[in-house]
All heavy atoms as atom14 arrays in JSON, in Angstrom:
{
  "sequence": "ATGELAPTERLRAERLAERYGVSRTPVREALARLQADGLVVRH",
  "atom14_mask": [
    [1, 1, 1, 1, 1, 0, 0, 0, 0, 0, 0, 0, 0, 0],
    [1, 1, 1, 1, 1, 1, 1, 0, 0, 0, 0, 0, 0, 0],
    [1, 1, 1, 1, 0, 0, 0, 0, 0, 0, 0, 0, 0, 0],
    [1, 1, 1, 1, 1, 1, 1, 1, 1, 0, 0, 0, 0, 0],
    [1, 1, 1, 1, 1, 1, 1, 1, 0, 0, 0, 0, 0, 0],
    [1, 1, 1, 1, 1, 0, 0, 0, 0, 0, 0, 0, 0, 0],
    [1, 1, 1, 1, 1, 1, 1, 0, 0, 0, 0, 0, 0, 0],
    [1, 1, 1, 1, 1, 1, 1, 0, 0, 0, 0, 0, 0, 0],
    [1, 1, 1, 1, 1, 1, 1, 1, 1, 0, 0, 0, 0, 0],
    [1, 1, 1, 1, 1, 1, 1, 1, 1, 1, 1, 0, 0, 0],
    [1, 1, 1, 1, 1, 1, 1, 1, 0, 0, 0, 0, 0, 0],
    [1, 1, 1, 1, 1, 1, 1, 1, 1, 1, 1, 0, 0, 0],
    [1, 1, 1, 1, 1, 0, 0, 0, 0, 0, 0, 0, 0, 0],
    [1, 1, 1, 1, 1, 1, 1, 1, 1, 0, 0, 0, 0, 0],
    [1, 1, 1, 1, 1, 1, 1, 1, 1, 1, 1, 0, 0, 0],
    [1, 1, 1, 1, 1, 1, 1, 1, 0, 0, 0, 0, 0, 0],
    [1, 1, 1, 1, 1, 0, 0, 0, 0, 0, 0, 0, 0, 0],
    [1, 1, 1, 1, 1, 1, 1, 1, 1, 0, 0, 0, 0, 0],
    [1, 1, 1, 1, 1, 1, 1, 1, 1, 1, 1, 0, 0, 0],
    [1, 1, 1, 1, 1, 1, 1, 1, 1, 1, 1, 1, 0, 0],
    [1, 1, 1, 1, 0, 0, 0, 0, 0, 0, 0, 0, 0, 0],
    [1, 1, 1, 1, 1, 1, 1, 0, 0, 0, 0, 0, 0, 0],
    [1, 1, 1, 1, 1, 1, 0, 0, 0, 0, 0, 0, 0, 0],
    [1, 1, 1, 1, 1, 1, 1, 1, 1, 1, 1, 0, 0, 0],
    [1, 1, 1, 1, 1, 1, 1, 0, 0, 0, 0, 0, 0, 0],
    [1, 1, 1, 1, 1, 1, 1, 0, 0, 0, 0, 0, 0, 0],
    [1, 1, 1, 1, 1, 1, 1, 0, 0, 0, 0, 0, 0, 0],
    [1, 1, 1, 1, 1, 1, 1, 1, 1, 1, 1, 0, 0, 0],
    [1, 1, 1, 1, 1, 1, 1, 1, 1, 0, 0, 0, 0, 0],
    [1, 1, 1, 1, 1, 0, 0, 0, 0, 0, 0, 0, 0, 0],
    [1, 1, 1, 1, 1, 1, 1, 1, 0, 0, 0, 0, 0, 0],
    [1, 1, 1, 1, 1, 0, 0, 0, 0, 0, 0, 0, 0, 0],
    [1, 1, 1, 1, 1, 1, 1, 1, 1, 1, 1, 0, 0, 0],
    [1, 1, 1, 1, 1, 1, 1, 1, 0, 0, 0, 0, 0, 0],
    [1, 1, 1, 1, 1, 1, 1, 1, 1, 0, 0, 0, 0, 0],
    [1, 1, 1, 1, 1, 0, 0, 0, 0, 0, 0, 0, 0, 0],
    [1, 1, 1, 1, 1, 1, 1, 1, 0, 0, 0, 0, 0, 0],
    [1, 1, 1, 1, 0, 0, 0, 0, 0, 0, 0, 0, 0, 0],
    [1, 1, 1, 1, 1, 1, 1, 1, 0, 0, 0, 0, 0, 0],
    [1, 1, 1, 1, 1, 1, 1, 0, 0, 0, 0, 0, 0, 0],
    [1, 1, 1, 1, 1, 1, 1, 0, 0, 0, 0, 0, 0, 0],
    [1, 1, 1, 1, 1, 1, 1, 1, 1, 1, 1, 0, 0, 0],
    [1, 1, 1, 1, 1, 1, 1, 1, 1, 1, 0, 0, 0, 0]
  ],
  "atom14_positions": [
    [[6.05, 3.08, -7.86], [6.44, 3.42, -9.23], [7.94, 3.38, -9.43], [8.42, 3.08, -10.53], [5.89, 4.79, -9.6], [0.0, 0.0, 0.0], [0.0, 0.0, 0.0], [0.0, 0.0, 0.0], [0.0, 0.0, 0.0], [0.0, 0.0, 0.0], [0.0, 0.0, 0.0], [0.0, 0.0, 0.0], [0.0, 0.0, 0.0], [0.0, 0.0, 0.0]],
    [[8.7, 3.68, -8.4], [10.15, 3.77, -8.54], [10.88, 2.51, -8.09], [12.1, 2.45, -8.14], [10.7, 4.96, -7.73], [10.33, 4.82, -6.35], [10.15, 6.27, -8.28], [0.0, 0.0, 0.0], [0.0, 0.0, 0.0], [0.0, 0.0, 0.0], [0.0, 0.0, 0.0], [0.0, 0.0, 0.0], [0.0, 0.0, 0.0], [0.0, 0.0, 0.0]],
    [[10.13, 1.5, -7.65], [10.77, 0.25, -7.26], [11.27, 0.22, -5.84], [11.96, -0.74, -5.44], [0.0, 0.0, 0.0], [0.0, 0.0, 0.0], [0.0, 0.0, 0.0], [0.0, 0.0, 0.0], [0.0, 0.0, 0.0], [0.0, 0.0, 0.0], [0.0, 0.0, 0.0], [0.0, 0.0, 0.0], [0.0, 0.0, 0.0], [0.0, 0.0, 0.0]],
    [[10.96, 1.25, -5.05], [11.35, 1.22, -3.64], [10.68, 0.05, -2.91], [11.23, -0.51, -1.97], [10.96, 2.54, -2.96], [11.74, 3.76, -3.42], [13.2, 3.69, -2.99], [13.48, 3.12, -1.92], [14.06, 4.19, -3.74], [0.0, 0.0, 0.0], [0.0, 0.0, 0.0], [0.0, 0.0, 0.0], [0.0, 0.0, 0.0], [0.0, 0.0, 0.0]],
    [[9.48, -0.29, -3.36], [8.78, -1.49, -2.89], [8.78, -2.5, -4.03], [8.42, -2.16, -5.16], [7.35, -1.16, -2.48], [7.2, -0.28, -1.22], [5.75, 0.17, -1.06], [7.65, -1.04, 0.02], [0.0, 0.0, 0.0], [0.0, 0.0, 0.0], [0.0, 0.0, 0.0], [0.0, 0.0, 0.0], [0.0, 0.0, 0.0], [0.0, 0.0, 0.0]],
    [[9.2, -3.71, -3.76], [9.3, -4.73, -4.79], [7.93, -5.02, -5.41], [6.93, -5.09, -4.68], [9.9, -6.01, -4.21], [0.0, 0.0, 0.0], [0.0, 0.0, 0.0], [0.0, 0.0, 0.0], [0.0, 0.0, 0.0], [0.0, 0.0, 0.0], [0.0, 0.0, 0.0], [0.0, 0.0, 0.0], [0.0, 0.0, 0.0], [0.0, 0.0, 0.0]],
    [[7.87, -5.21, -6.72], [6.58, -5.48, -7.38], [5.91, -6.75, -6.87], [4.68, -6.88, -6.95], [6.96, -5.63, -8.85], [8.26, -4.9, -8.99], [8.97, -5.07, -7.69], [0.0, 0.0, 0.0], [0.0, 0.0, 0.0], [0.0, 0.0, 0.0], [0.0, 0.0, 0.0], [0.0, 0.0, 0.0], [0.0, 0.0, 0.0], [0.0, 0.0, 0.0]],
    [[6.71, -7.69, -6.35], [6.15, -8.95, -5.88], [5.8, -8.92, -4.39], [5.34, -9.92, -3.85], [7.15, -10.09, -6.13], [8.41, -9.76, -5.51], [7.37, -10.3, -7.62], [0.0, 0.0, 0.0], [0.0, 0.0, 0.0], [0.0, 0.0, 0.0], [0.0, 0.0, 0.0], [0.0, 0.0, 0.0], [0.0, 0.0, 0.0], [0.0, 0.0, 0.0]],
    [[6.03, -7.79, -3.73], [5.8, -7.7, -2.29], [4.32, -7.48, -1.99], [3.68, -6.6, -2.58], [6.61, -6.55, -1.7], [6.44, -6.38, -0.19], [7.28, -5.25, 0.37], [8.22, -4.82, -0.34], [7.0, -4.81, 1.49], [0.0, 0.0, 0.0], [0.0, 0.0, 0.0], [0.0, 0.0, 0.0], [0.0, 0.0, 0.0], [0.0, 0.0, 0.0]],
    [[3.77, -8.28, -1.07], [2.39, -8.09, -0.67], [2.28, -6.8, 0.14], [3.09, -6.54, 1.03], [1.9, -9.28, 0.16], [0.42, -9.17, 0.55], [-0.16, -10.54, 0.89], [0.42, -11.1, 2.09], [-0.13, -11.03, 3.31], [-1.28, -10.4, 3.47], [0.45, -11.58, 4.35], [0.0, 0.0, 0.0], [0.0, 0.0, 0.0], [0.0, 0.0, 0.0]],
    [[1.28, -6.01, -0.16], [1.13, -4.7, 0.47], [0.28, -4.85, 1.73], [-0.94, -4.66, 1.72], [0.49, -3.72, -0.52], [1.27, -3.52, -1.83], [0.49, -2.67, -2.81], [2.64, -2.93, -1.56], [0.0, 0.0, 0.0], [0.0, 0.0, 0.0], [0.0, 0.0, 0.0], [0.0, 0.0, 0.0], [0.0, 0.0, 0.0], [0.0, 0.0, 0.0]],
    [[0.94, -5.14, 2.81], [0.27, -5.33, 4.09], [0.14, -4.0, 4.82], [1.11, -3.25, 4.96], [1.03, -6.33, 4.96], [1.11, -7.72, 4.35], [1.98, -8.66, 5.14], [1.54, -8.76, 6.52], [2.26, -8.39, 7.58], [3.48, -7.88, 7.38], [1.79, -8.54, 8.79], [0.0, 0.0, 0.0], [0.0, 0.0, 0.0], [0.0, 0.0, 0.0]],
    [[-1.08, -3.69, 5.28], [-1.34, -2.4, 5.92], [-0.46, -2.2, 7.15], [0.04, -1.1, 7.4], [-2.82, -2.3, 6.31], [0.0, 0.0, 0.0], [0.0, 0.0, 0.0], [0.0, 0.0, 0.0], [0.0, 0.0, 0.0], [0.0, 0.0, 0.0], [0.0, 0.0, 0.0], [0.0, 0.0, 0.0], [0.0, 0.0, 0.0], [0.0, 0.0, 0.0]],
    [[-0.25, -3.26, 7.92], [0.53, -3.13, 9.15], [1.97, -2.74, 8.83], [2.54, -1.83, 9.45], [0.51, -4.43, 9.94], [-0.87, -4.81, 10.48], [-1.74, -5.49, 9.43], [-1.27, -5.67, 8.29], [-2.89, -5.82, 9.76], [0.0, 0.0, 0.0], [0.0, 0.0, 0.0], [0.0, 0.0, 0.0], [0.0, 0.0, 0.0], [0.0, 0.0, 0.0]],
    [[2.57, -3.41, 7.86], [3.96, -3.12, 7.5], [4.1, -1.74, 6.89], [5.06, -1.0, 7.18], [4.48, -4.19, 6.54], [5.94, -4.0, 6.16], [6.42, -5.17, 5.33], [6.37, -6.42, 6.11], [6.67, -7.63, 5.6], [7.02, -7.73, 4.33], [6.6, -8.7, 6.35], [0.0, 0.0, 0.0], [0.0, 0.0, 0.0], [0.0, 0.0, 0.0]],
    [[3.14, -1.35, 6.05], [3.19, -0.03, 5.43], [2.97, 1.07, 6.46], [3.59, 2.14, 6.38], [2.15, 0.07, 4.32], [2.39, -0.82, 3.1], [1.21, -0.77, 2.15], [3.67, -0.42, 2.38], [0.0, 0.0, 0.0], [0.0, 0.0, 0.0], [0.0, 0.0, 0.0], [0.0, 0.0, 0.0], [0.0, 0.0, 0.0], [0.0, 0.0, 0.0]],
    [[2.11, 0.81, 7.44], [1.88, 1.8, 8.5], [3.18, 2.05, 9.26], [3.51, 3.2, 9.6], [0.79, 1.31, 9.45], [0.0, 0.0, 0.0], [0.0, 0.0, 0.0], [0.0, 0.0, 0.0], [0.0, 0.0, 0.0], [0.0, 0.0, 0.0], [0.0, 0.0, 0.0], [0.0, 0.0, 0.0], [0.0, 0.0, 0.0], [0.0, 0.0, 0.0]],
    [[3.92, 1.0, 9.5], [5.21, 1.15, 10.19], [6.21, 1.9, 9.31], [6.96, 2.76, 9.79], [5.76, -0.24, 10.54], [7.08, -0.21, 11.29], [7.58, -1.59, 11.64], [6.81, -2.56, 11.51], [8.75, -1.71, 12.06], [0.0, 0.0, 0.0], [0.0, 0.0, 0.0], [0.0, 0.0, 0.0], [0.0, 0.0, 0.0], [0.0, 0.0, 0.0]],
    [[6.19, 1.6, 8.01], [7.13, 2.24, 7.09], [6.91, 3.74, 7.03], [7.87, 4.52, 7.01], [6.95, 1.64, 5.69], [7.81, 2.29, 4.59], [7.47, 1.7, 3.22], [8.27, 2.31, 2.17], [9.44, 1.87, 1.74], [9.96, 0.79, 2.3], [10.1, 2.49, 0.78], [0.0, 0.0, 0.0], [0.0, 0.0, 0.0], [0.0, 0.0, 0.0]],
    [[5.64, 4.18, 7.01], [5.33, 5.6, 6.85], [5.02, 6.3, 8.16], [4.7, 7.49, 8.17], [4.17, 5.77, 5.88], [4.49, 5.23, 4.49], [3.81, 4.13, 3.97], [5.5, 5.8, 3.72], [4.12, 3.61, 2.72], [5.82, 5.3, 2.47], [5.13, 4.2, 1.98], [5.45, 3.7, 0.75], [0.0, 0.0, 0.0], [0.0, 0.0, 0.0]],
    [[5.13, 5.56, 9.26], [4.95, 6.17, 10.57], [3.55, 6.67, 10.84], [3.37, 7.75, 11.43], [0.0, 0.0, 0.0], [0.0, 0.0, 0.0], [0.0, 0.0, 0.0], [0.0, 0.0, 0.0], [0.0, 0.0, 0.0], [0.0, 0.0, 0.0], [0.0, 0.0, 0.0], [0.0, 0.0, 0.0], [0.0, 0.0, 0.0], [0.0, 0.0, 0.0]],
    [[2.55, 5.9, 10.4], [1.15, 6.29, 10.59], [0.37, 5.09, 11.09], [0.9, 3.98, 11.2], [0.53, 6.8, 9.27], [1.26, 8.05, 8.78], [0.56, 5.71, 8.2], [0.0, 0.0, 0.0], [0.0, 0.0, 0.0], [0.0, 0.0, 0.0], [0.0, 0.0, 0.0], [0.0, 0.0, 0.0], [0.0, 0.0, 0.0], [0.0, 0.0, 0.0]],
    [[-0.91, 5.31, 11.4], [-1.78, 4.2, 11.78], [-2.24, 3.48, 10.51], [-1.96, 3.92, 9.39], [-2.98, 4.71, 12.56], [-3.82, 5.48, 11.72], [0.0, 0.0, 0.0], [0.0, 0.0, 0.0], [0.0, 0.0, 0.0], [0.0, 0.0, 0.0], [0.0, 0.0, 0.0], [0.0, 0.0, 0.0], [0.0, 0.0, 0.0], [0.0, 0.0, 0.0]],
    [[-2.98, 2.4, 10.67], [-3.41, 1.62, 9.52], [-4.53, 2.29, 8.73], [-4.69, 2.01, 7.53], [-3.87, 0.23, 9.99], [-2.71, -0.66, 10.44], [-3.22, -1.96, 11.03], [-3.89, -1.7, 12.31], [-4.5, -2.65, 13.03], [-4.53, -3.89, 12.59], [-5.08, -2.33, 14.17], [0.0, 0.0, 0.0], [0.0, 0.0, 0.0], [0.0, 0.0, 0.0]],
    [[-5.28, 3.18, 9.35], [-6.42, 3.79, 8.66], [-5.99, 4.59, 7.42], [-6.53, 4.36, 6.33], [-7.22, 4.69, 9.62], [-7.78, 3.87, 10.65], [-8.34, 5.41, 8.89], [0.0, 0.0, 0.0], [0.0, 0.0, 0.0], [0.0, 0.0, 0.0], [0.0, 0.0, 0.0], [0.0, 0.0, 0.0], [0.0, 0.0, 0.0], [0.0, 0.0, 0.0]],
    [[-5.04, 5.53, 7.5], [-4.64, 6.25, 6.28], [-3.99, 5.34, 5.25], [-4.09, 5.59, 4.04], [-3.67, 7.31, 6.79], [-3.22, 6.84, 8.13], [-4.37, 6.08, 8.7], [0.0, 0.0, 0.0], [0.0, 0.0, 0.0], [0.0, 0.0, 0.0], [0.0, 0.0, 0.0], [0.0, 0.0, 0.0], [0.0, 0.0, 0.0], [0.0, 0.0, 0.0]],
    [[-3.32, 4.27, 5.71], [-2.73, 3.33, 4.77], [-3.82, 2.62, 3.98], [-3.74, 2.48, 2.76], [-1.84, 2.3, 5.51], [-1.41, 1.18, 4.56], [-0.62, 2.98, 6.1], [0.0, 0.0, 0.0], [0.0, 0.0, 0.0], [0.0, 0.0, 0.0], [0.0, 0.0, 0.0], [0.0, 0.0, 0.0], [0.0, 0.0, 0.0], [0.0, 0.0, 0.0]],
    [[-4.86, 2.18, 4.69], [-5.95, 1.49, 4.0], [-6.66, 2.43, 3.02], [-7.09, 2.02, 1.94], [-6.94, 0.94, 5.04], [-6.39, -0.25, 5.81], [-7.49, -0.98, 6.56], [-6.99, -2.22, 7.14], [-6.77, -2.41, 8.43], [-7.01, -1.43, 9.28], [-6.32, -3.57, 8.89], [0.0, 0.0, 0.0], [0.0, 0.0, 0.0], [0.0, 0.0, 0.0]],
    [[-6.8, 3.69, 3.4], [-7.41, 4.66, 2.49], [-6.54, 4.84, 1.24], [-7.05, 4.91, 0.12], [-7.59, 5.99, 3.19], [-8.67, 5.99, 4.26], [-8.83, 7.36, 4.89], [-8.31, 8.34, 4.34], [-9.48, 7.44, 5.94], [0.0, 0.0, 0.0], [0.0, 0.0, 0.0], [0.0, 0.0, 0.0], [0.0, 0.0, 0.0], [0.0, 0.0, 0.0]],
    [[-5.23, 4.92, 1.45], [-4.31, 5.08, 0.32], [-4.37, 3.86, -0.6], [-4.4, 4.0, -1.83], [-2.89, 5.3, 0.83], [0.0, 0.0, 0.0], [0.0, 0.0, 0.0], [0.0, 0.0, 0.0], [0.0, 0.0, 0.0], [0.0, 0.0, 0.0], [0.0, 0.0, 0.0], [0.0, 0.0, 0.0], [0.0, 0.0, 0.0], [0.0, 0.0, 0.0]],
    [[-4.4, 2.68, -0.02], [-4.48, 1.46, -0.82], [-5.79, 1.39, -1.59], [-5.82, 0.94, -2.75], [-4.34, 0.24, 0.08], [-2.94, -0.02, 0.66], [-2.97, -1.12, 1.71], [-1.96, -0.38, -0.47], [0.0, 0.0, 0.0], [0.0, 0.0, 0.0], [0.0, 0.0, 0.0], [0.0, 0.0, 0.0], [0.0, 0.0, 0.0], [0.0, 0.0, 0.0]],
    [[-6.88, 1.85, -0.97], [-8.17, 1.86, -1.66], [-8.12, 2.8, -2.86], [-8.66, 2.49, -3.94], [-9.28, 2.28, -0.69], [0.0, 0.0, 0.0], [0.0, 0.0, 0.0], [0.0, 0.0, 0.0], [0.0, 0.0, 0.0], [0.0, 0.0, 0.0], [0.0, 0.0, 0.0], [0.0, 0.0, 0.0], [0.0, 0.0, 0.0], [0.0, 0.0, 0.0]],
    [[-7.49, 3.97, -2.7], [-7.36, 4.9, -3.82], [-6.5, 4.31, -4.93], [-6.82, 4.44, -6.12], [-6.74, 6.22, -3.34], [-7.69, 7.12, -2.57], [-7.02, 8.45, -2.25], [-6.67, 9.2, -3.46], [-5.95, 10.32, -3.46], [-5.48, 10.81, -2.31], [-5.69, 10.96, -4.59], [0.0, 0.0, 0.0], [0.0, 0.0, 0.0], [0.0, 0.0, 0.0]],
    [[-5.42, 3.66, -4.55], [-4.53, 3.05, -5.54], [-5.23, 1.92, -6.28], [-5.0, 1.71, -7.48], [-3.26, 2.54, -4.87], [-2.31, 3.64, -4.36], [-1.26, 3.05, -3.43], [-1.64, 4.35, -5.53], [0.0, 0.0, 0.0], [0.0, 0.0, 0.0], [0.0, 0.0, 0.0], [0.0, 0.0, 0.0], [0.0, 0.0, 0.0], [0.0, 0.0, 0.0]],
    [[-6.1, 1.19, -5.57], [-6.9, 0.15, -6.22], [-7.85, 0.78, -7.23], [-8.02, 0.28, -8.35], [-7.69, -0.62, -5.17], [-7.44, -2.12, -5.2], [-8.3, -2.88, -4.23], [-8.46, -2.49, -3.07], [-8.85, -3.97, -4.69], [0.0, 0.0, 0.0], [0.0, 0.0, 0.0], [0.0, 0.0, 0.0], [0.0, 0.0, 0.0], [0.0, 0.0, 0.0]],
    [[-8.49, 1.87, -6.83], [-9.41, 2.57, -7.74], [-8.67, 3.12, -8.96], [-9.22, 3.17, -10.06], [-10.12, 3.7, -7.0], [0.0, 0.0, 0.0], [0.0, 0.0, 0.0], [0.0, 0.0, 0.0], [0.0, 0.0, 0.0], [0.0, 0.0, 0.0], [0.0, 0.0, 0.0], [0.0, 0.0, 0.0], [0.0, 0.0, 0.0], [0.0, 0.0, 0.0]],
    [[-7.41, 3.51, -8.78], [-6.59, 4.01, -9.88], [-6.14, 2.9, -10.82], [-5.62, 3.17, -11.91], [-5.34, 4.72, -9.34], [-5.68, 6.02, -8.63], [-6.79, 6.54, -8.82], [-4.82, 6.5, -7.86], [0.0, 0.0, 0.0], [0.0, 0.0, 0.0], [0.0, 0.0, 0.0], [0.0, 0.0, 0.0], [0.0, 0.0, 0.0], [0.0, 0.0, 0.0]],
    [[-6.28, 1.64, -10.37], [-5.79, 0.52, -11.17], [-4.32, 0.23, -10.96], [-3.72, -0.57, -11.69], [0.0, 0.0, 0.0], [0.0, 0.0, 0.0], [0.0, 0.0, 0.0], [0.0, 0.0, 0.0], [0.0, 0.0, 0.0], [0.0, 0.0, 0.0], [0.0, 0.0, 0.0], [0.0, 0.0, 0.0], [0.0, 0.0, 0.0], [0.0, 0.0, 0.0]],
    [[-3.7, 0.86, -9.95], [-2.27, 0.67, -9.7], [-2.01, -0.46, -8.71], [-0.88, -0.93, -8.6], [-1.66, 1.97, -9.16], [-1.83, 3.2, -10.06], [-1.23, 4.42, -9.39], [-1.19, 2.96, -11.41], [0.0, 0.0, 0.0], [0.0, 0.0, 0.0], [0.0, 0.0, 0.0], [0.0, 0.0, 0.0], [0.0, 0.0, 0.0], [0.0, 0.0, 0.0]],
    [[-3.03, -0.85, -7.98], [-2.93, -1.95, -7.02], [-4.08, -2.91, -7.3], [-5.19, -2.48, -7.6], [-3.0, -1.42, -5.56], [-3.25, -2.55, -4.58], [-1.71, -0.69, -5.21], [0.0, 0.0, 0.0], [0.0, 0.0, 0.0], [0.0, 0.0, 0.0], [0.0, 0.0, 0.0], [0.0, 0.0, 0.0], [0.0, 0.0, 0.0], [0.0, 0.0, 0.0]],
    [[-3.78, -4.2, -7.26], [-4.81, -5.21, -7.52], [-4.85, -6.2, -6.37], [-3.86, -6.41, -5.66], [-4.53, -5.96, -8.84], [-4.66, -5.03, -10.03], [-3.16, -6.6, -8.83], [0.0, 0.0, 0.0], [0.0, 0.0, 0.0], [0.0, 0.0, 0.0], [0.0, 0.0, 0.0], [0.0, 0.0, 0.0], [0.0, 0.0, 0.0], [0.0, 0.0, 0.0]],
    [[-6.0, -6.81, -6.2], [-6.17, -7.79, -5.13], [-6.06, -9.2, -5.69], [-6.75, -9.57, -6.64], [-7.53, -7.62, -4.44], [-7.75, -8.61, -3.29], [-9.05, -8.34, -2.56], [-9.03, -7.06, -1.86], [-8.45, -6.88, -0.68], [-7.81, -7.88, -0.08], [-8.5, -5.7, -0.1], [0.0, 0.0, 0.0], [0.0, 0.0, 0.0], [0.0, 0.0, 0.0]],
    [[-5.15, -9.98, -5.08], [-5.04, -11.4, -5.37], [-5.63, -12.17, -4.19], [-6.12, -11.57, -3.23], [-3.58, -11.79, -5.61], [-3.0, -11.15, -6.84], [-3.6, -11.22, -8.07], [-1.86, -10.41, -7.01], [-2.87, -10.57, -8.96], [-1.81, -10.05, -8.35], [0.0, 0.0, 0.0], [0.0, 0.0, 0.0], [0.0, 0.0, 0.0], [0.0, 0.0, 0.0]]
  ]
}
């Protein structure tokens, strides 16, 4: 929402897991929630 991640950047679970210091599982859960919210879309 604040532009810390570029709008054109592909949201890769591996890279986001490294960014937030977690495994890929919570990242994938977060992405699934954001998809359900309509804030993330799949191309």
